[in-house]
Amino acid sequence: MEDLVKARIFKIDADFVKQVVAMGFDKEPFESLVKMRIFKITPEFITEIRNEGLTNLDVEDIVKLRIFKIDSAFIRQARADNVPLEVEKLVQKRIGVWNK
């Protein structure tokens, strides 16, 4: 019953699940769907991140990128600063603790 309530609150319906599958996440647990809704993981954001070279990401990685406001512009700047294209390194760069 709790999952049904969450699905209603976060608008997780058949259309959203189809959208998630189209983004390449076809075996995600329900809690991942909730996280995707909470942090506004959209097909556009996924495409933007993948176009910058981050292609093998799971939902947790993408959520981290959203939490730390890491978008394509930030990734391009990080790349110019020779930061490896890894989620943890990008997060470190964002919070100011990345060392070359």
Protein backbone atom coordinates (compact mmCIF):
# COMPACT_ATOMS: atom_id res chain seq x y z
CA MET A 1 0.00 0.00 0.00
CA GLU A 2 2.87 2.37 0.81
CA ASP A 3 4.26 2.07 -2.73
CA LEU A 4 0.85 2.92 -4.17
CA VAL A 5 0.75 6.07 -2.09
CA LYS A 6 4.27 7.03 -3.23
CA ALA A 7 3.32 6.34 -6.84
CA ARG A 8 0.35 8.66 -6.50
CA ILE A 9 2.32 11.41 -4.71
CA PHE A 10 5.23 11.36 -7.18
CA LYS A 11 3.09 10.73 -10.28
CA ILE A 12 4.72 7.42 -11.15
CA ASP A 13 2.36 6.01 -13.72
CA ALA A 14 2.61 3.78 -16.80
CA ASP A 15 3.71 6.71 -18.97
CA PHE A 16 6.54 7.58 -16.60
CA VAL A 17 7.68 3.96 -16.45
CA LYS A 18 7.72 3.83 -20.28
CA GLN A 19 9.78 7.04 -20.28
CA VAL A 20 12.26 5.50 -17.82
CA VAL A 21 12.58 2.38 -19.98
CA ALA A 22 13.15 4.57 -23.05
CA MET A 23 15.98 6.30 -21.13
CA GLY A 24 17.66 2.90 -20.82
CA PHE A 25 16.66 2.02 -17.27
CA ASP A 26 14.45 -1.00 -17.73
CA LYS A 27 15.20 -2.94 -14.53
CA GLU A 28 15.05 -0.25 -11.90
CA PRO A 29 13.46 -0.90 -8.51
CA PHE A 30 10.50 1.24 -7.50
CA GLU A 31 12.62 3.39 -5.15
CA SER A 32 14.81 4.40 -8.10
CA LEU A 33 11.70 5.61 -9.91
CA VAL A 34 10.81 7.68 -6.86
CA LYS A 35 14.31 9.20 -6.80
CA MET A 36 14.08 9.99 -10.50
CA ARG A 37 10.87 11.92 -9.87
CA ILE A 38 12.12 13.68 -6.76
CA PHE A 39 15.30 14.91 -8.46
CA LYS A 40 13.62 15.63 -11.81
CA ILE A 41 15.63 13.20 -13.91
CA THR A 42 14.30 13.83 -17.41
CA PRO A 43 15.12 12.34 -20.81
CA GLU A 44 16.57 15.72 -21.74
CA PHE A 45 18.95 15.68 -18.76
CA ILE A 46 20.03 12.10 -19.51
CA THR A 47 20.69 13.02 -23.16
CA GLU A 48 22.62 16.14 -22.13
CA ILE A 49 24.86 14.15 -19.77
CA ARG A 50 25.37 11.28 -22.22
CA ASN A 51 26.28 13.74 -24.98
CA GLU A 52 29.13 14.96 -22.77
CA GLY A 53 30.58 11.45 -22.58
CA LEU A 54 29.05 10.10 -19.37
CA THR A 55 27.32 7.08 -20.82
CA ASN A 56 27.56 4.23 -18.32
CA LEU A 57 25.66 5.74 -15.40
CA ASP A 58 23.19 4.24 -12.99
CA VAL A 59 20.33 6.12 -11.34
CA GLU A 60 22.40 6.87 -8.23
CA ASP A 61 25.08 8.53 -10.36
CA ILE A 62 22.53 10.64 -12.18
CA VAL A 63 20.91 11.66 -8.90
CA LYS A 64 24.33 12.80 -7.64
CA LEU A 65 24.79 14.89 -10.76
CA ARG A 66 21.42 16.54 -10.13
CA ILE A 67 22.04 17.10 -6.42
CA PHE A 68 25.35 18.85 -7.12
CA LYS A 69 23.97 20.75 -10.14
CA ILE A 70 26.41 19.16 -12.56
CA ASP A 71 25.18 19.85 -16.08
CA SER A 72 26.74 19.84 -19.54
CA ALA A 73 28.31 23.29 -19.10
CA PHE A 74 29.95 22.20 -15.84
CA ILE A 75 31.18 18.97 -17.44
CA ARG A 76 32.71 20.88 -20.35
CA GLN A 77 34.50 23.22 -17.94
CA ALA A 78 35.70 20.29 -15.83
CA ARG A 79 37.00 18.58 -18.96
CA ALA A 80 38.89 21.76 -19.88
CA ASP A 81 40.40 21.67 -16.38
CA ASN A 82 41.52 18.05 -16.99
CA VAL A 83 39.08 16.52 -14.50
CA PRO A 84 38.45 12.84 -15.33
CA LEU A 85 34.91 12.18 -16.54
CA GLU A 86 33.86 10.24 -13.46
CA VAL A 87 30.89 11.18 -11.30
CA GLU A 88 32.90 11.24 -8.07
CA LYS A 89 35.63 13.43 -9.61
CA LEU A 90 33.02 15.84 -10.97
CA VAL A 91 31.37 16.04 -7.55
CA GLN A 92 34.76 16.69 -5.96
CA LYS A 93 35.36 19.47 -8.49
CA ARG A 94 31.95 20.98 -7.74
CA ILE A 95 32.52 21.06 -3.98
CA GLY A 96 36.08 22.28 -4.36
CA VAL A 97 38.09 19.32 -3.09
CA TRP A 98 39.37 17.89 -6.38
CA ASN A 99 43.14 17.82 -6.69
CA LYS A 100 45.02 17.19 -9.89
